[in-house]
Amino acid sequence: MERKKEIFIEILRLLACILVILYHSRYQIYEFISGGGKVSILGNYCLNACFVIGRLAVPLFFIISGYFSFPIKDNTFTFFKKRLTRIIYPLIIWLVIYTLCFSSPKSMIYDLAHATQAPHLWYLYALIGITLLIPMGSSFISNATKQELQLYILIWSLTLIFNGNFFDEFLTFKTDHNGMLFTNPITALISFYGYFGYILVGAYLRRFEVGKLFPIILMCSGCILVLILLAFGISMDKIIAYCSISNLFISVSIFILTKRLFEKLTINARRINIRYIFDALAIL
């Protein structure tokens, strides 16, 4: 019996995993290229390329999560039991391992409580927060019209422009006056800021089709935006930040292009049927 499987998602997951490894091993790659000496101009370009494309992994992972998150078929408690236990248990285990290996006896309790020795697990912390929000938005996101989702994605996209990456003091707030004190009007959007927007994007791409040229335009726009911001003296770290408009454009275009290339692949028993791949390439 033939069953359909979305192969492009597995390809995207593999790609994102490779990008994560590439991003975190870029300095080792740099040392390998340089041989402990002075690296060539080409080597510097390779190091920068590893940094830039590695930053695309996290948005891809979040978009994939959003693609499969809606609608919720179980009740909230069952959903949390299935999702959170798969995140929290490994997180606790690795927090304990890192703390035991790298903390001193005097600071061990403090380091464990503050996750001092495992800042690189931040993605799991973010994923826990997103998981807690999914049930609240499931009904709306699953039934919203195309225009309604576009509106919320547009508002979220504004926070990727008017933030601390491109404009100092934007999307910042003070905590005096017994609560949050917004520093400027754009901080009214602080509730929209963060990774949940990528979840919305994933849900949107699951439910609705986009134009044939849309991913190409998005990719070109993202690359041009990177060059423009570099010309204005903004650091690449901020330009390609996880919550940046340029990263959004490029990562979404990669997701859509990969989907169009491989969405017609199927798995039949243990054999991959690739007879539709040339038809998929024609879509582009």
Protein backbone atom coordinates (compact mmCIF):
# COMPACT_ATOMS: atom_id res chain seq x y z
CA MET A 1 0.00 0.00 0.00
CA GLU A 2 1.44 3.33 -1.07
CA ARG A 3 1.60 6.11 1.47
CA LYS A 4 2.40 9.71 0.78
CA LYS A 5 5.17 11.37 2.74
CA GLU A 6 6.30 14.95 2.44
CA ILE A 7 9.90 14.31 1.52
CA PHE A 8 10.71 18.00 1.20
CA ILE A 9 10.25 18.41 4.96
CA GLU A 10 12.83 15.69 5.64
CA ILE A 11 15.18 17.37 3.16
CA LEU A 12 14.68 20.73 4.90
CA ARG A 13 15.34 19.16 8.28
CA LEU A 14 18.53 17.58 6.99
CA LEU A 15 19.59 20.88 5.44
CA ALA A 16 18.88 22.78 8.67
CA CYS A 17 20.88 20.23 10.69
CA ILE A 18 23.84 20.60 8.32
CA LEU A 19 23.60 24.40 8.60
CA VAL A 20 23.62 24.21 12.41
CA ILE A 21 26.76 22.04 12.34
CA LEU A 22 28.36 24.36 9.80
CA TYR A 23 27.56 27.43 11.88
CA HIS A 24 28.95 26.03 15.12
CA SER A 25 32.04 24.50 13.54
CA ARG A 26 33.01 27.52 11.45
CA TYR A 27 36.00 28.40 13.63
CA GLN A 28 37.31 24.85 13.43
CA ILE A 29 36.89 25.07 9.66
CA TYR A 30 38.77 28.38 9.77
CA GLU A 31 41.67 26.83 11.71
CA PHE A 32 41.75 23.87 9.33
CA ILE A 33 41.93 26.16 6.30
CA SER A 34 44.53 28.42 7.84
CA GLY A 35 46.63 25.59 9.27
CA GLY A 36 47.26 27.75 12.31
CA GLY A 37 48.65 30.57 10.20
CA LYS A 38 47.26 33.44 8.21
CA VAL A 39 44.19 32.53 6.23
CA SER A 40 43.65 33.61 2.65
CA ILE A 41 40.97 35.99 1.43
CA LEU A 42 39.08 32.98 0.10
CA GLY A 43 39.28 31.39 3.54
CA ASN A 44 37.77 34.50 5.11
CA TYR A 45 34.95 34.37 2.61
CA CYS A 46 34.34 30.73 3.51
CA LEU A 47 34.21 31.59 7.21
CA ASN A 48 31.74 34.41 6.60
CA ALA A 49 29.66 32.18 4.33
CA CYS A 50 29.42 29.54 7.08
CA PHE A 51 28.24 32.23 9.47
CA VAL A 52 25.62 33.69 7.13
CA ILE A 53 24.04 30.52 5.80
CA GLY A 54 24.24 28.88 9.23
CA ARG A 55 21.94 31.58 10.58
CA LEU A 56 19.17 30.31 8.28
CA ALA A 57 18.80 27.03 10.20
CA VAL A 58 16.79 28.28 13.18
CA PRO A 59 14.10 30.05 11.12
CA LEU A 60 13.78 26.93 8.96
CA PHE A 61 13.24 24.77 12.04
CA PHE A 62 10.57 27.14 13.36
CA ILE A 63 8.80 27.30 9.99
CA ILE A 64 8.77 23.50 9.85
CA SER A 65 7.26 23.42 13.36
CA GLY A 66 4.55 25.85 12.31
CA TYR A 67 3.87 23.82 9.19
CA PHE A 68 2.81 20.82 11.32
CA SER A 69 1.41 22.52 14.44
CA PHE A 70 -2.13 23.32 13.33
CA PRO A 71 -4.82 22.36 13.97
CA ILE A 72 -4.34 20.70 17.34
CA LYS A 73 -6.17 17.38 17.30
CA ASP A 74 -5.78 16.61 21.01
CA ASN A 75 -6.92 18.55 24.04
CA THR A 76 -4.47 21.00 25.54
CA PHE A 77 -3.17 18.72 28.29
CA THR A 78 -2.59 15.82 25.91
CA PHE A 79 -0.86 18.19 23.48
CA PHE A 80 1.44 19.48 26.23
CA LYS A 81 2.18 15.95 27.39
CA LYS A 82 3.22 14.90 23.90
CA ARG A 83 5.16 18.02 22.92
CA LEU A 84 6.68 19.33 26.15
CA THR A 85 7.90 16.00 27.49
CA ARG A 86 9.91 15.50 24.30
CA ILE A 87 11.57 18.86 24.94
CA ILE A 88 11.83 19.17 28.71
CA TYR A 89 13.21 15.70 29.56
CA PRO A 90 16.21 15.89 27.18
CA LEU A 91 16.72 19.52 28.23
CA ILE A 92 16.95 18.60 31.93
CA ILE A 93 19.27 15.69 31.22
CA TRP A 94 21.69 17.83 29.21
CA LEU A 95 21.52 20.70 31.70
CA VAL A 96 22.57 18.28 34.45
CA ILE A 97 25.35 16.79 32.29
CA TYR A 98 26.79 20.19 31.35
CA THR A 99 26.55 21.43 34.93
CA LEU A 100 28.30 18.36 36.36
CA CYS A 101 31.05 18.54 33.75
CA PHE A 102 31.82 22.25 33.76
CA SER A 103 30.63 23.80 37.05
CA SER A 104 32.55 24.02 40.28
CA PRO A 105 30.99 22.42 43.37
CA LYS A 106 30.30 25.82 44.93
CA SER A 107 28.38 27.19 41.94
CA MET A 108 26.73 23.97 40.77
CA ILE A 109 23.24 24.71 42.14
CA TYR A 110 23.31 28.27 40.83
CA ASP A 111 24.59 27.18 37.41
CA LEU A 112 21.93 24.50 37.12
CA ALA A 113 19.11 26.87 38.09
CA HIS A 114 20.33 29.55 35.65
CA ALA A 115 21.46 27.15 32.90
CA THR A 116 24.82 28.93 32.98
CA GLN A 117 26.73 26.11 31.34
CA ALA A 118 24.24 25.51 28.53
CA PRO A 119 23.39 28.81 26.83
CA HIS A 120 23.57 27.03 23.48
CA LEU A 121 20.35 25.18 24.38
CA TRP A 122 18.45 28.46 24.01
CA TYR A 123 16.50 27.04 21.06
CA LEU A 124 14.80 24.55 23.38
CA TYR A 125 13.89 27.33 25.80
CA ALA A 126 12.31 29.27 22.94
CA LEU A 127 10.54 26.14 21.70
CA ILE A 128 8.95 25.63 25.12
CA GLY A 129 7.52 29.15 25.05
CA ILE A 130 6.20 28.68 21.52
CA THR A 131 4.62 25.34 22.45
CA LEU A 132 2.73 27.02 25.30
CA LEU A 133 1.29 29.56 22.84
CA ILE A 134 0.20 27.11 20.13
CA PRO A 135 -3.04 25.89 21.79
CA MET A 136 -4.23 29.46 22.33
CA GLY A 137 -3.78 30.33 18.67
CA SER A 138 -4.80 27.02 17.15
CA SER A 139 -8.45 27.84 16.50
CA PHE A 140 -7.74 31.21 14.91
CA ILE A 141 -4.73 30.12 12.86
CA SER A 142 -6.52 27.01 11.57
CA ASN A 143 -9.61 28.94 10.46
CA ALA A 144 -8.28 32.39 9.60
CA THR A 145 -8.61 33.64 6.05
CA LYS A 146 -5.59 34.20 3.88
CA GLN A 147 -5.85 37.96 4.37
CA GLU A 148 -6.12 37.65 8.16
CA LEU A 149 -2.95 35.59 8.41
CA GLN A 150 -1.20 37.95 6.02
CA LEU A 151 -2.12 40.86 8.29
CA TYR A 152 -0.62 39.26 11.37
CA ILE A 153 2.50 38.18 9.50
CA LEU A 154 2.86 41.75 8.18
CA ILE A 155 2.60 43.22 11.69
CA TRP A 156 5.17 40.71 12.95
CA SER A 157 7.44 41.52 10.00
CA LEU A 158 7.46 45.18 11.07
CA THR A 159 9.01 44.15 14.38
CA LEU A 160 11.85 42.52 12.40
CA ILE A 161 12.60 45.91 10.83
CA PHE A 162 12.09 48.26 13.76
CA ASN A 163 14.13 46.43 16.33
CA GLY A 164 17.48 46.69 18.04
CA ASN A 165 19.26 45.09 15.08
CA PHE A 166 18.70 48.04 12.76
CA PHE A 167 17.57 50.86 15.08
CA ASP A 168 18.96 51.38 18.57
CA GLU A 169 16.42 51.52 21.38
CA PHE A 170 13.59 50.10 19.25
CA LEU A 171 11.55 47.30 20.79
CA THR A 172 13.08 47.99 24.17
CA PHE A 173 11.24 48.80 27.34
CA LYS A 174 11.88 49.83 30.90
CA THR A 175 10.42 48.15 33.94
CA ASP A 176 9.87 51.14 36.21
CA HIS A 177 6.40 52.53 37.05
CA ASN A 178 5.60 49.07 38.47
CA GLY A 179 5.43 47.56 35.02
CA MET A 180 6.62 47.93 31.46
CA LEU A 181 7.18 51.44 30.16
CA PHE A 182 7.41 51.49 26.38
CA THR A 183 10.14 53.74 25.07
CA ASN A 184 8.50 54.63 21.73
CA PRO A 185 5.29 53.88 19.78
CA ILE A 186 6.73 50.92 17.88
CA THR A 187 7.20 49.07 21.17
CA ALA A 188 3.43 48.67 21.23
CA LEU A 189 4.26 45.73 18.96
CA ILE A 190 6.49 44.10 21.58
CA SER A 191 3.90 41.33 22.04
CA PHE A 192 4.32 40.42 18.37
CA TYR A 193 8.09 40.23 18.52
CA GLY A 194 9.85 36.88 18.66
CA TYR A 195 9.95 33.50 16.99
CA PHE A 196 6.22 32.79 16.99
CA GLY A 197 5.95 34.71 13.73
CA TYR A 198 7.87 31.94 12.00
CA ILE A 199 5.22 29.52 13.33
CA LEU A 200 2.58 31.69 11.64
CA VAL A 201 4.56 31.64 8.41
CA GLY A 202 4.78 27.85 8.52
CA ALA A 203 1.03 27.55 9.11
CA TYR A 204 0.35 29.97 6.26
CA LEU A 205 2.52 28.02 3.82
CA ARG A 206 0.72 24.84 4.84
CA ARG A 207 -2.72 26.26 4.06
CA PHE A 208 -2.15 28.62 1.15
CA GLU A 209 -0.19 28.72 -2.08
CA VAL A 210 2.00 31.63 -3.10
CA GLY A 211 2.77 33.01 -6.55
CA LYS A 212 5.17 31.23 -8.87
CA LEU A 213 7.76 34.01 -8.77
CA PHE A 214 7.23 34.88 -5.11
CA PRO A 215 10.15 32.83 -3.67
CA ILE A 216 12.54 34.13 -6.34
CA ILE A 217 11.52 37.73 -5.61
CA LEU A 218 11.82 37.06 -1.88
CA MET A 219 15.29 35.55 -2.23
CA CYS A 220 16.54 38.42 -4.40
CA SER A 221 15.02 40.98 -2.02
CA GLY A 222 16.70 39.35 0.96
CA CYS A 223 20.12 39.27 -0.71
CA ILE A 224 19.82 42.87 -1.94
CA LEU A 225 18.73 43.96 1.53
CA VAL A 226 21.81 42.32 3.03
CA LEU A 227 24.07 44.24 0.63
CA ILE A 228 22.28 47.55 1.30
CA LEU A 229 22.53 47.16 5.07
CA LEU A 230 26.20 46.24 4.77
CA ALA A 231 26.73 49.45 2.79
CA PHE A 232 25.17 51.37 5.69
CA GLY A 233 27.72 49.88 8.07
CA ILE A 234 25.42 47.49 9.92
CA SER A 235 27.22 44.37 11.09
CA MET A 236 26.42 41.04 9.48
CA ASP A 237 25.57 39.65 12.92
CA LYS A 238 22.61 42.03 13.06
CA ILE A 239 21.71 41.86 9.38
CA ILE A 240 21.25 38.10 9.41
CA ALA A 241 19.97 37.84 12.99
CA TYR A 242 17.35 35.16 13.57
CA CYS A 243 14.67 37.82 14.03
CA SER A 244 15.54 40.01 11.07
CA ILE A 245 13.64 40.81 7.90
CA SER A 246 16.52 39.70 5.68
CA ASN A 247 16.69 36.29 7.36
CA LEU A 248 12.91 35.97 7.04
CA PHE A 249 13.02 36.64 3.29
CA ILE A 250 15.85 34.20 2.56
CA SER A 251 14.71 31.34 4.84
CA VAL A 252 11.10 31.49 3.61
CA SER A 253 12.25 31.46 -0.01
CA ILE A 254 14.41 28.37 0.68
CA PHE A 255 11.43 26.64 2.30
CA ILE A 256 9.11 27.36 -0.64
CA LEU A 257 11.67 26.43 -3.32
CA THR A 258 12.50 23.17 -1.57
CA LYS A 259 8.81 22.36 -1.27
CA ARG A 260 8.25 22.97 -4.99
CA LEU A 261 11.22 20.87 -5.95
CA PHE A 262 10.41 17.84 -3.85
CA GLU A 263 6.74 17.93 -2.83
CA LYS A 264 5.79 15.38 -5.51
CA LEU A 265 8.26 12.80 -4.30
CA THR A 266 6.58 9.83 -2.66
CA ILE A 267 7.66 6.84 -0.62
CA ASN A 268 6.35 3.49 -1.77
CA ALA A 269 7.29 0.71 0.65
CA ARG A 270 11.03 1.27 1.13
CA ARG A 271 11.68 2.75 -2.25
CA ILE A 272 11.61 6.46 -3.13
CA ASN A 273 9.70 7.20 -6.31
CA ILE A 274 11.43 10.05 -8.13
CA ARG A 275 9.60 10.01 -11.44
CA TYR A 276 7.98 13.37 -10.66
CA ILE A 277 11.18 15.24 -9.92
CA PHE A 278 11.51 16.66 -13.41
CA ASP A 279 7.91 17.89 -13.28
CA ALA A 280 8.74 19.53 -9.97
CA LEU A 281 11.75 21.25 -11.49
CA ALA A 282 9.50 22.61 -14.24
CA ILE A 283 7.49 24.49 -11.61
CA LEU A 284 10.47 26.79 -11.10
